[in-house]
Amino acid sequence: MNKKKLWMAGLISITALMLNFQLTLAHEHVTIGDYEIEYGWLEEPAIVGQQNAIIVNVSNTSSGEAQPVEDVSSLSVTVSYGGQSKTLTLQPLGEDTHSQFVAPILPTVAGTYTLIFGGRLGDADVNAEVEPEEVEGADILQFPSIESAQQGSGSGMTNWLVYLSLLIGLIALSLGVMARRKPR
Protein backbone atom coordinates (compact mmCIF):
# COMPACT_ATOMS: atom_id res chain seq x y z
CA MET A 1 0.00 0.00 0.00
CA ASN A 2 2.81 2.43 0.86
CA LYS A 3 4.64 1.66 -2.38
CA LYS A 4 1.50 2.46 -4.35
CA LYS A 5 1.16 5.83 -2.62
CA LEU A 6 4.85 6.54 -3.15
CA TRP A 7 4.56 5.75 -6.88
CA MET A 8 1.46 7.93 -7.17
CA ALA A 9 3.17 10.84 -5.38
CA GLY A 10 6.22 10.47 -7.62
CA LEU A 11 4.10 10.40 -10.76
CA ILE A 12 2.18 13.50 -9.70
CA SER A 13 5.43 15.32 -8.85
CA ILE A 14 7.03 14.50 -12.19
CA THR A 15 3.89 15.56 -14.06
CA ALA A 16 3.75 18.84 -12.14
CA LEU A 17 7.43 19.55 -12.87
CA MET A 18 6.96 18.83 -16.57
CA LEU A 19 3.92 21.11 -16.79
CA ASN A 20 5.71 23.87 -14.87
CA PHE A 21 8.74 23.55 -17.16
CA GLN A 22 6.59 23.83 -20.29
CA LEU A 23 4.84 26.93 -18.94
CA THR A 24 8.11 28.70 -18.23
CA LEU A 25 9.53 27.95 -21.68
CA ALA A 26 7.20 30.55 -23.20
CA HIS A 27 8.64 33.31 -21.01
CA GLU A 28 12.11 34.77 -21.06
CA HIS A 29 14.21 36.20 -18.25
CA VAL A 30 16.87 38.77 -17.57
CA THR A 31 19.29 38.76 -14.62
CA ILE A 32 20.08 42.02 -12.85
CA GLY A 33 22.51 41.64 -9.95
CA ASP A 34 20.99 39.13 -7.52
CA TYR A 35 17.57 39.39 -9.15
CA GLU A 36 15.97 37.52 -11.98
CA ILE A 37 13.04 39.05 -13.85
CA GLU A 38 10.94 36.62 -15.86
CA TYR A 39 8.67 38.31 -18.40
CA GLY A 40 6.27 37.48 -21.19
CA TRP A 41 2.68 37.79 -22.34
CA LEU A 42 -0.06 36.55 -20.02
CA GLU A 43 -1.98 35.13 -23.01
CA GLU A 44 0.18 33.61 -25.72
CA PRO A 45 0.27 34.10 -28.56
CA ALA A 46 -0.36 37.81 -28.11
CA ILE A 47 -2.95 38.90 -30.69
CA VAL A 48 -3.64 42.40 -32.04
CA GLY A 49 -6.85 43.84 -30.61
CA GLN A 50 -7.19 41.32 -27.78
CA GLN A 51 -6.83 42.35 -24.13
CA ASN A 52 -3.59 40.97 -22.71
CA ALA A 53 -0.99 41.79 -20.08
CA ILE A 54 2.73 41.68 -19.56
CA ILE A 55 3.44 39.17 -16.79
CA VAL A 56 6.47 39.78 -14.58
CA ASN A 57 7.90 37.34 -12.03
CA VAL A 58 10.69 38.68 -9.81
CA SER A 59 13.04 36.43 -7.80
CA ASN A 60 16.02 37.10 -5.55
CA THR A 61 18.74 34.55 -6.35
CA SER A 62 21.42 35.74 -3.88
CA SER A 63 21.06 32.64 -1.67
CA GLY A 64 21.42 30.25 -4.59
CA GLU A 65 17.70 29.46 -4.58
CA ALA A 66 15.09 31.71 -6.14
CA GLN A 67 13.19 33.57 -3.42
CA PRO A 68 10.03 35.45 -4.42
CA VAL A 69 10.20 39.25 -4.36
CA GLU A 70 6.87 40.78 -3.40
CA ASP A 71 7.82 44.48 -3.28
CA VAL A 72 8.28 45.86 -6.79
CA SER A 73 7.16 49.39 -5.95
CA SER A 74 10.53 50.77 -7.15
CA LEU A 75 10.42 48.82 -10.43
CA SER A 76 9.01 50.51 -13.52
CA VAL A 77 7.94 48.85 -16.76
CA THR A 78 7.59 50.83 -19.98
CA VAL A 79 6.45 49.33 -23.26
CA SER A 80 7.74 50.80 -26.52
CA TYR A 81 6.78 50.30 -30.16
CA GLY A 82 7.57 52.36 -33.25
CA GLY A 83 8.88 55.37 -31.33
CA GLN A 84 5.92 55.50 -28.95
CA SER A 85 6.17 54.45 -25.31
CA LYS A 86 3.82 53.99 -22.38
CA THR A 87 4.58 53.31 -18.72
CA LEU A 88 2.58 50.36 -17.44
CA THR A 89 1.27 49.80 -13.91
CA LEU A 90 2.31 46.55 -12.26
CA GLN A 91 -0.35 44.90 -10.11
CA PRO A 92 -0.37 41.54 -8.32
CA LEU A 93 -1.51 38.63 -10.47
CA GLY A 94 -3.58 37.30 -7.57
CA GLU A 95 -3.69 36.89 -3.82
CA ASP A 96 -2.00 33.48 -3.88
CA THR A 97 0.70 34.31 -6.43
CA HIS A 98 3.67 35.84 -4.67
CA SER A 99 6.19 37.71 -6.81
CA GLN A 100 4.00 37.54 -9.93
CA PHE A 101 2.68 40.78 -11.35
CA VAL A 102 0.76 41.82 -14.45
CA ALA A 103 0.56 45.06 -16.41
CA PRO A 104 -2.59 45.15 -18.57
CA ILE A 105 -2.17 46.20 -22.20
CA LEU A 106 -4.16 46.00 -25.44
CA PRO A 107 -1.70 45.51 -28.34
CA THR A 108 -2.94 47.48 -31.35
CA VAL A 109 -0.23 46.69 -33.91
CA ALA A 110 1.46 43.41 -34.88
CA GLY A 111 5.20 43.23 -34.39
CA THR A 112 7.91 43.21 -31.75
CA TYR A 113 7.36 45.33 -28.66
CA THR A 114 10.18 46.42 -26.34
CA LEU A 115 9.90 46.31 -22.55
CA ILE A 116 12.07 48.73 -20.62
CA PHE A 117 12.61 47.80 -16.98
CA GLY A 118 13.86 50.64 -14.79
CA GLY A 119 14.14 51.72 -11.17
CA ARG A 120 15.51 49.56 -8.37
CA LEU A 121 15.21 46.07 -6.94
CA GLY A 122 16.73 46.03 -3.45
CA ASP A 123 20.23 47.48 -3.87
CA ALA A 124 20.38 46.83 -7.61
CA ASP A 125 19.77 49.53 -10.20
CA VAL A 126 17.52 48.18 -12.94
CA ASN A 127 18.01 49.30 -16.54
CA ALA A 128 17.18 46.63 -19.10
CA GLU A 129 15.51 46.53 -22.50
CA VAL A 130 14.00 43.22 -23.56
CA GLU A 131 11.60 41.94 -26.22
CA PRO A 132 8.82 39.50 -25.36
CA GLU A 133 7.28 37.21 -27.97
CA GLU A 134 6.08 39.01 -31.11
CA VAL A 135 2.45 40.22 -31.27
CA GLU A 136 0.60 38.40 -34.06
CA GLY A 137 -2.13 39.72 -36.34
CA ALA A 138 -5.67 38.59 -35.61
CA ASP A 139 -5.75 36.70 -38.92
CA ILE A 140 -3.95 33.71 -37.36
CA LEU A 141 -7.08 32.98 -35.29
CA GLN A 142 -9.90 34.37 -37.43
CA PHE A 143 -12.28 31.98 -39.13
CA PRO A 144 -13.69 32.35 -41.66
CA SER A 145 -11.35 34.94 -43.11
CA ILE A 146 -12.75 38.45 -43.30
CA GLU A 147 -12.47 38.58 -47.11
CA SER A 148 -14.46 35.40 -47.68
CA ALA A 149 -17.07 36.37 -45.08
CA GLN A 150 -17.54 39.77 -46.73
CA GLN A 151 -17.78 38.25 -50.19
CA GLY A 152 -20.25 35.63 -49.05
CA SER A 153 -22.55 37.96 -47.15
CA GLY A 154 -22.46 41.08 -49.32
CA SER A 155 -22.19 39.81 -52.87
CA GLY A 156 -25.83 38.70 -53.15
CA MET A 157 -27.14 42.08 -52.03
CA THR A 158 -24.66 43.95 -54.21
CA ASN A 159 -25.62 41.98 -57.31
CA TRP A 160 -29.32 42.53 -56.61
CA LEU A 161 -28.79 46.31 -56.33
CA VAL A 162 -26.80 46.38 -59.58
CA TYR A 163 -29.54 44.53 -61.48
CA LEU A 164 -32.27 46.73 -59.99
CA SER A 165 -30.36 49.88 -60.98
CA LEU A 166 -29.91 48.59 -64.53
CA LEU A 167 -33.62 47.77 -64.78
CA ILE A 168 -34.65 51.22 -63.53
CA GLY A 169 -32.20 52.83 -65.96
CA LEU A 170 -33.59 50.84 -68.89
CA ILE A 171 -37.18 51.74 -67.95
CA ALA A 172 -36.26 55.43 -67.69
CA LEU A 173 -34.46 55.31 -71.03
CA SER A 174 -37.46 53.61 -72.68
CA LEU A 175 -39.85 56.20 -71.25
CA GLY A 176 -37.61 59.00 -72.50
CA VAL A 177 -37.45 57.55 -76.02
CA MET A 178 -41.24 57.03 -76.11
CA ALA A 179 -41.86 60.57 -74.92
CA ARG A 180 -39.73 62.02 -77.74
CA ARG A 181 -41.55 60.01 -80.40
CA LYS A 182 -45.04 61.15 -79.45
CA PRO A 183 -46.21 64.03 -81.59
CA ARG A 184 -47.19 67.17 -79.75
C-alpha atoms as a PDB file:
ATOM      1  CA  MET A   1       0.000   0.000   0.000  1.00  0.00           C
ATOM      2  CA  ASN A   2       2.813   2.429   0.861  1.00  0.00           C
ATOM      3  CA  LYS A   3       4.638   1.660  -2.385  1.00  0.00           C
ATOM      4  CA  LYS A   4       1.496   2.457  -4.350  1.00  0.00           C
ATOM      5  CA  LYS A   5       1.159   5.834  -2.615  1.00  0.00           C
ATOM      6  CA  LEU A   6       4.848   6.536  -3.152  1.00  0.00           C
ATOM      7  CA  TRP A   7       4.563   5.747  -6.881  1.00  0.00           C
ATOM      8  CA  MET A   8       1.464   7.931  -7.168  1.00  0.00           C
ATOM      9  CA  ALA A   9       3.172  10.838  -5.375  1.00  0.00           C
ATOM     10  CA  GLY A  10       6.222  10.466  -7.620  1.00  0.00           C
ATOM     11  CA  LEU A  11       4.104  10.400 -10.762  1.00  0.00           C
ATOM     12  CA  ILE A  12       2.181  13.495  -9.700  1.00  0.00           C
ATOM     13  CA  SER A  13       5.430  15.320  -8.846  1.00  0.00           C
ATOM     14  CA  ILE A  14       7.031  14.503 -12.191  1.00  0.00           C
ATOM     15  CA  THR A  15       3.888  15.563 -14.062  1.00  0.00           C
ATOM     16  CA  ALA A  16       3.751  18.844 -12.139  1.00  0.00           C
ATOM     17  CA  LEU A  17       7.425  19.547 -12.866  1.00  0.00           C
ATOM     18  CA  MET A  18       6.957  18.834 -16.568  1.00  0.00           C
ATOM     19  CA  LEU A  19       3.925  21.108 -16.793  1.00  0.00           C
ATOM     20  CA  ASN A  20       5.709  23.865 -14.868  1.00  0.00           C
ATOM     21  CA  PHE A  21       8.742  23.547 -17.156  1.00  0.00           C
ATOM     22  CA  GLN A  22       6.589  23.831 -20.288  1.00  0.00           C
ATOM     23  CA  LEU A  23       4.835  26.927 -18.941  1.00  0.00           C
ATOM     24  CA  THR A  24       8.111  28.700 -18.227  1.00  0.00           C
ATOM     25  CA  LEU A  25       9.527  27.951 -21.682  1.00  0.00           C
ATOM     26  CA  ALA A  26       7.196  30.547 -23.197  1.00  0.00           C
ATOM     27  CA  HIS A  27       8.640  33.314 -21.011  1.00  0.00           C
ATOM     28  CA  GLU A  28      12.112  34.765 -21.056  1.00  0.00           C
ATOM     29  CA  HIS A  29      14.209  36.196 -18.254  1.00  0.00           C
ATOM     30  CA  VAL A  30      16.866  38.769 -17.570  1.00  0.00           C
ATOM     31  CA  THR A  31      19.293  38.757 -14.625  1.00  0.00           C
ATOM     32  CA  ILE A  32      20.079  42.017 -12.846  1.00  0.00           C
ATOM     33  CA  GLY A  33      22.508  41.635  -9.955  1.00  0.00           C
ATOM     34  CA  ASP A  34      20.993  39.131  -7.518  1.00  0.00           C
ATOM     35  CA  TYR A  35      17.574  39.395  -9.146  1.00  0.00           C
ATOM     36  CA  GLU A  36      15.967  37.520 -11.981  1.00  0.00           C
ATOM     37  CA  ILE A  37      13.040  39.055 -13.850  1.00  0.00           C
ATOM     38  CA  GLU A  38      10.939  36.622 -15.859  1.00  0.00           C
ATOM     39  CA  TYR A  39       8.671  38.311 -18.401  1.00  0.00           C
ATOM     40  CA  GLY A  40       6.268  37.481 -21.192  1.00  0.00           C
ATOM     41  CA  TRP A  41       2.675  37.790 -22.336  1.00  0.00           C
ATOM     42  CA  LEU A  42      -0.064  36.551 -20.018  1.00  0.00           C
ATOM     43  CA  GLU A  43      -1.984  35.131 -23.008  1.00  0.00           C
ATOM     44  CA  GLU A  44       0.183  33.612 -25.718  1.00  0.00           C
ATOM     45  CA  PRO A  45       0.266  34.100 -28.559  1.00  0.00           C
ATOM     46  CA  ALA A  46      -0.361  37.809 -28.112  1.00  0.00           C
ATOM     47  CA  ILE A  47      -2.954  38.904 -30.691  1.00  0.00           C
ATOM     48  CA  VAL A  48      -3.643  42.404 -32.043  1.00  0.00           C
ATOM     49  CA  GLY A  49      -6.854  43.841 -30.613  1.00  0.00           C
ATOM     50  CA  GLN A  50      -7.192  41.318 -27.776  1.00  0.00           C
ATOM     51  CA  GLN A  51      -6.827  42.348 -24.134  1.00  0.00           C
ATOM     52  CA  ASN A  52      -3.594  40.966 -22.711  1.00  0.00           C
ATOM     53  CA  ALA A  53      -0.991  41.789 -20.077  1.00  0.00           C
ATOM     54  CA  ILE A  54       2.725  41.681 -19.555  1.00  0.00           C
ATOM     55  CA  ILE A  55       3.440  39.167 -16.794  1.00  0.00           C
ATOM     56  CA  VAL A  56       6.472  39.782 -14.585  1.00  0.00           C
ATOM     57  CA  ASN A  57       7.899  37.335 -12.035  1.00  0.00           C
ATOM     58  CA  VAL A  58      10.692  38.681  -9.809  1.00  0.00           C
ATOM     59  CA  SER A  59      13.037  36.431  -7.796  1.00  0.00           C
ATOM     60  CA  ASN A  60      16.025  37.098  -5.549  1.00  0.00           C
ATOM     61  CA  THR A  61      18.736  34.549  -6.346  1.00  0.00           C
ATOM     62  CA  SER A  62      21.422  35.743  -3.882  1.00  0.00           C
ATOM     63  CA  SER A  63      21.063  32.640  -1.665  1.00  0.00           C
ATOM     64  CA  GLY A  64      21.422  30.247  -4.590  1.00  0.00           C
ATOM     65  CA  GLU A  65      17.704  29.459  -4.576  1.00  0.00           C
ATOM     66  CA  ALA A  66      15.093  31.706  -6.140  1.00  0.00           C
ATOM     67  CA  GLN A  67      13.194  33.567  -3.419  1.00  0.00           C
ATOM     68  CA  PRO A  68      10.027  35.455  -4.424  1.00  0.00           C
ATOM     69  CA  VAL A  69      10.200  39.254  -4.356  1.00  0.00           C
ATOM     70  CA  GLU A  70       6.874  40.782  -3.400  1.00  0.00           C
ATOM     71  CA  ASP A  71       7.819  44.484  -3.280  1.00  0.00           C
ATOM     72  CA  VAL A  72       8.278  45.859  -6.786  1.00  0.00           C
ATOM     73  CA  SER A  73       7.156  49.393  -5.953  1.00  0.00           C
ATOM     74  CA  SER A  74      10.528  50.769  -7.149  1.00  0.00           C
ATOM     75  CA  LEU A  75      10.423  48.819 -10.427  1.00  0.00           C
ATOM     76  CA  SER A  76       9.011  50.507 -13.520  1.00  0.00           C
ATOM     77  CA  VAL A  77       7.939  48.852 -16.760  1.00  0.00           C
ATOM     78  CA  THR A  78       7.590  50.832 -19.975  1.00  0.00           C
ATOM     79  CA  VAL A  79       6.451  49.330 -23.261  1.00  0.00           C
ATOM     80  CA  SER A  80       7.740  50.797 -26.519  1.00  0.00           C
ATOM     81  CA  TYR A  81       6.776  50.301 -30.158  1.00  0.00           C
ATOM     82  CA  GLY A  82       7.566  52.360 -33.250  1.00  0.00           C
ATOM     83  CA  GLY A  83       8.883  55.371 -31.334  1.00  0.00           C
ATOM     84  CA  GLN A  84       5.918  55.500 -28.950  1.00  0.00           C
ATOM     85  CA  SER A  85       6.167  54.450 -25.315  1.00  0.00           C
ATOM     86  CA  LYS A  86       3.821  53.989 -22.379  1.00  0.00           C
ATOM     87  CA  THR A  87       4.579  53.312 -18.718  1.00  0.00           C
ATOM     88  CA  LEU A  88       2.581  50.363 -17.440  1.00  0.00           C
ATOM     89  CA  THR A  89       1.270  49.797 -13.910  1.00  0.00           C
ATOM     90  CA  LEU A  90       2.305  46.548 -12.255  1.00  0.00           C
ATOM     91  CA  GLN A  91      -0.346  44.904 -10.115  1.00  0.00           C
ATOM     92  CA  PRO A  92      -0.369  41.541  -8.316  1.00  0.00           C
ATOM     93  CA  LEU A  93      -1.507  38.625 -10.468  1.00  0.00           C
ATOM     94  CA  GLY A  94      -3.576  37.295  -7.570  1.00  0.00           C
ATOM     95  CA  GLU A  95      -3.694  36.889  -3.818  1.00  0.00           C
ATOM     96  CA  ASP A  96      -1.998  33.482  -3.876  1.00  0.00           C
ATOM     97  CA  THR A  97       0.698  34.306  -6.434  1.00  0.00           C
ATOM     98  CA  HIS A  98       3.666  35.836  -4.669  1.00  0.00           C
ATOM     99  CA  SER A  99       6.191  37.706  -6.811  1.00  0.00           C
ATOM    100  CA  GLN A 100       4.001  37.540  -9.931  1.00  0.00           C
ATOM    101  CA  PHE A 101       2.675  40.783 -11.345  1.00  0.00           C
ATOM    102  CA  VAL A 102       0.758  41.824 -14.446  1.00  0.00           C
ATOM    103  CA  ALA A 103       0.564  45.058 -16.409  1.00  0.00           C
ATOM    104  CA  PRO A 104      -2.591  45.146 -18.573  1.00  0.00           C
ATOM    105  CA  ILE A 105      -2.173  46.203 -22.198  1.00  0.00           C
ATOM    106  CA  LEU A 106      -4.157  46.001 -25.444  1.00  0.00           C
ATOM    107  CA  PRO A 107      -1.697  45.506 -28.337  1.00  0.00           C
ATOM    108  CA  THR A 108      -2.939  47.477 -31.349  1.00  0.00           C
ATOM    109  CA  VAL A 109      -0.228  46.688 -33.906  1.00  0.00           C
ATOM    110  CA  ALA A 110       1.461  43.415 -34.876  1.00  0.00           C
ATOM    111  CA  GLY A 111       5.203  43.230 -34.392  1.00  0.00           C
ATOM    112  CA  THR A 112       7.905  43.206 -31.751  1.00  0.00           C
ATOM    113  CA  TYR A 113       7.357  45.335 -28.660  1.00  0.00           C
ATOM    114  CA  THR A 114      10.182  46.416 -26.339  1.00  0.00           C
ATOM    115  CA  LEU A 115       9.897  46.313 -22.552  1.00  0.00           C
ATOM    116  CA  ILE A 116      12.070  48.731 -20.621  1.00  0.00           C
ATOM    117  CA  PHE A 117      12.609  47.804 -16.978  1.00  0.00           C
ATOM    118  CA  GLY A 118      13.863  50.642 -14.791  1.00  0.00           C
ATOM    119  CA  GLY A 119      14.139  51.716 -11.168  1.00  0.00           C
ATOM    120  CA  ARG A 120      15.511  49.557  -8.373  1.00  0.00           C
ATOM    121  CA  LEU A 121      15.207  46.074  -6.937  1.00  0.00           C
ATOM    122  CA  GLY A 122      16.729  46.027  -3.454  1.00  0.00           C
ATOM    123  CA  ASP A 123      20.233  47.481  -3.870  1.00  0.00           C
ATOM    124  CA  ALA A 124      20.384  46.833  -7.614  1.00  0.00           C
ATOM    125  CA  ASP A 125      19.766  49.531 -10.200  1.00  0.00           C
ATOM    126  CA  VAL A 126      17.520  48.183 -12.943  1.00  0.00           C
ATOM    127  CA  ASN A 127      18.009  49.302 -16.542  1.00  0.00           C
ATOM    128  CA  ALA A 128      17.183  46.625 -19.099  1.00  0.00           C
ATOM    129  CA  GLU A 129      15.513  46.526 -22.505  1.00  0.00           C
ATOM    130  CA  VAL A 130      13.996  43.215 -23.559  1.00  0.00           C
ATOM    131  CA  GLU A 131      11.604  41.936 -26.221  1.00  0.00           C
ATOM    132  CA  PRO A 132       8.823  39.498 -25.363  1.00  0.00           C
ATOM    133  CA  GLU A 133       7.284  37.209 -27.973  1.00  0.00           C
ATOM    134  CA  GLU A 134       6.078  39.008 -31.111  1.00  0.00           C
ATOM    135  CA  VAL A 135       2.454  40.215 -31.271  1.00  0.00           C
ATOM    136  CA  GLU A 136       0.597  38.399 -34.057  1.00  0.00           C
ATOM    137  CA  GLY A 137      -2.128  39.719 -36.342  1.00  0.00           C
ATOM    138  CA  ALA A 138      -5.674  38.591 -35.612  1.00  0.00           C
ATOM    139  CA  ASP A 139      -5.750  36.696 -38.922  1.00  0.00           C
ATOM    140  CA  ILE A 140      -3.953  33.708 -37.360  1.00  0.00           C
ATOM    141  CA  LEU A 141      -7.082  32.981 -35.289  1.00  0.00           C
ATOM    142  CA  GLN A 142      -9.902  34.365 -37.433  1.00  0.00           C
ATOM    143  CA  PHE A 143     -12.282  31.981 -39.133  1.00  0.00           C
ATOM    144  CA  PRO A 144     -13.691  32.352 -41.659  1.00  0.00           C
ATOM    145  CA  SER A 145     -11.347  34.937 -43.109  1.00  0.00           C
ATOM    146  CA  ILE A 146     -12.747  38.452 -43.298  1.00  0.00           C
ATOM    147  CA  GLU A 147     -12.472  38.580 -47.107  1.00  0.00           C
ATOM    148  CA  SER A 148     -14.461  35.404 -47.680  1.00  0.00           C
ATOM    149  CA  ALA A 149     -17.071  36.373 -45.080  1.00  0.00           C
ATOM    150  CA  GLN A 150     -17.544  39.773 -46.728  1.00  0.00           C
ATOM    151  CA  GLN A 151     -17.779  38.247 -50.186  1.00  0.00           C
ATOM    152  CA  GLY A 152     -20.247  35.629 -49.052  1.00  0.00           C
ATOM    153  CA  SER A 153     -22.555  37.963 -47.155  1.00  0.00           C
ATOM    154  CA  GLY A 154     -22.455  41.078 -49.320  1.00  0.00           C
ATOM    155  CA  SER A 155     -22.190  39.806 -52.872  1.00  0.00           C
ATOM    156  CA  GLY A 156     -25.832  38.696 -53.149  1.00  0.00           C
ATOM    157  CA  MET A 157     -27.139  42.081 -52.028  1.00  0.00           C
ATOM    158  CA  THR A 158     -24.657  43.955 -54.206  1.00  0.00           C
ATOM    159  CA  ASN A 159     -25.624  41.982 -57.306  1.00  0.00           C
ATOM    160  CA  TRP A 160     -29.322  42.534 -56.611  1.00  0.00           C
ATOM    161  CA  LEU A 161     -28.791  46.313 -56.331  1.00  0.00           C
ATOM    162  CA  VAL A 162     -26.805  46.384 -59.580  1.00  0.00           C
ATOM    163  CA  TYR A 163     -29.539  44.532 -61.483  1.00  0.00           C
ATOM    164  CA  LEU A 164     -32.265  46.727 -59.986  1.00  0.00           C
ATOM    165  CA  SER A 165     -30.357  49.879 -60.982  1.00  0.00           C
ATOM    166  CA  LEU A 166     -29.911  48.589 -64.530  1.00  0.00           C
ATOM    167  CA  LEU A 167     -33.623  47.772 -64.783  1.00  0.00           C
ATOM    168  CA  ILE A 168     -34.651  51.225 -63.527  1.00  0.00           C
ATOM    169  CA  GLY A 169     -32.203  52.828 -65.956  1.00  0.00           C
ATOM    170  CA  LEU A 170     -33.592  50.844 -68.891  1.00  0.00           C
ATOM    171  CA  ILE A 171     -37.182  51.740 -67.949  1.00  0.00           C
ATOM    172  CA  ALA A 172     -36.259  55.428 -67.685  1.00  0.00           C
ATOM    173  CA  LEU A 173     -34.464  55.314 -71.031  1.00  0.00           C
ATOM    174  CA  SER A 174     -37.457  53.611 -72.683  1.00  0.00           C
ATOM    175  CA  LEU A 175     -39.850  56.197 -71.247  1.00  0.00           C
ATOM    176  CA  GLY A 176     -37.614  58.997 -72.498  1.00  0.00           C
ATOM    177  CA  VAL A 177     -37.448  57.548 -76.016  1.00  0.00           C
ATOM    178  CA  MET A 178     -41.243  57.029 -76.107  1.00  0.00           C
ATOM    179  CA  ALA A 179     -41.860  60.575 -74.916  1.00  0.00           C
ATOM    180  CA  ARG A 180     -39.733  62.019 -77.737  1.00  0.00           C
ATOM    181  CA  ARG A 181     -41.552  60.007 -80.401  1.00  0.00           C
ATOM    182  CA  LYS A 182     -45.038  61.153 -79.453  1.00  0.00           C
ATOM    183  CA  PRO A 183     -46.212  64.034 -81.590  1.00  0.00           C
ATOM    184  CA  ARG A 184     -47.187  67.173 -79.750  1.00  0.00           C
END
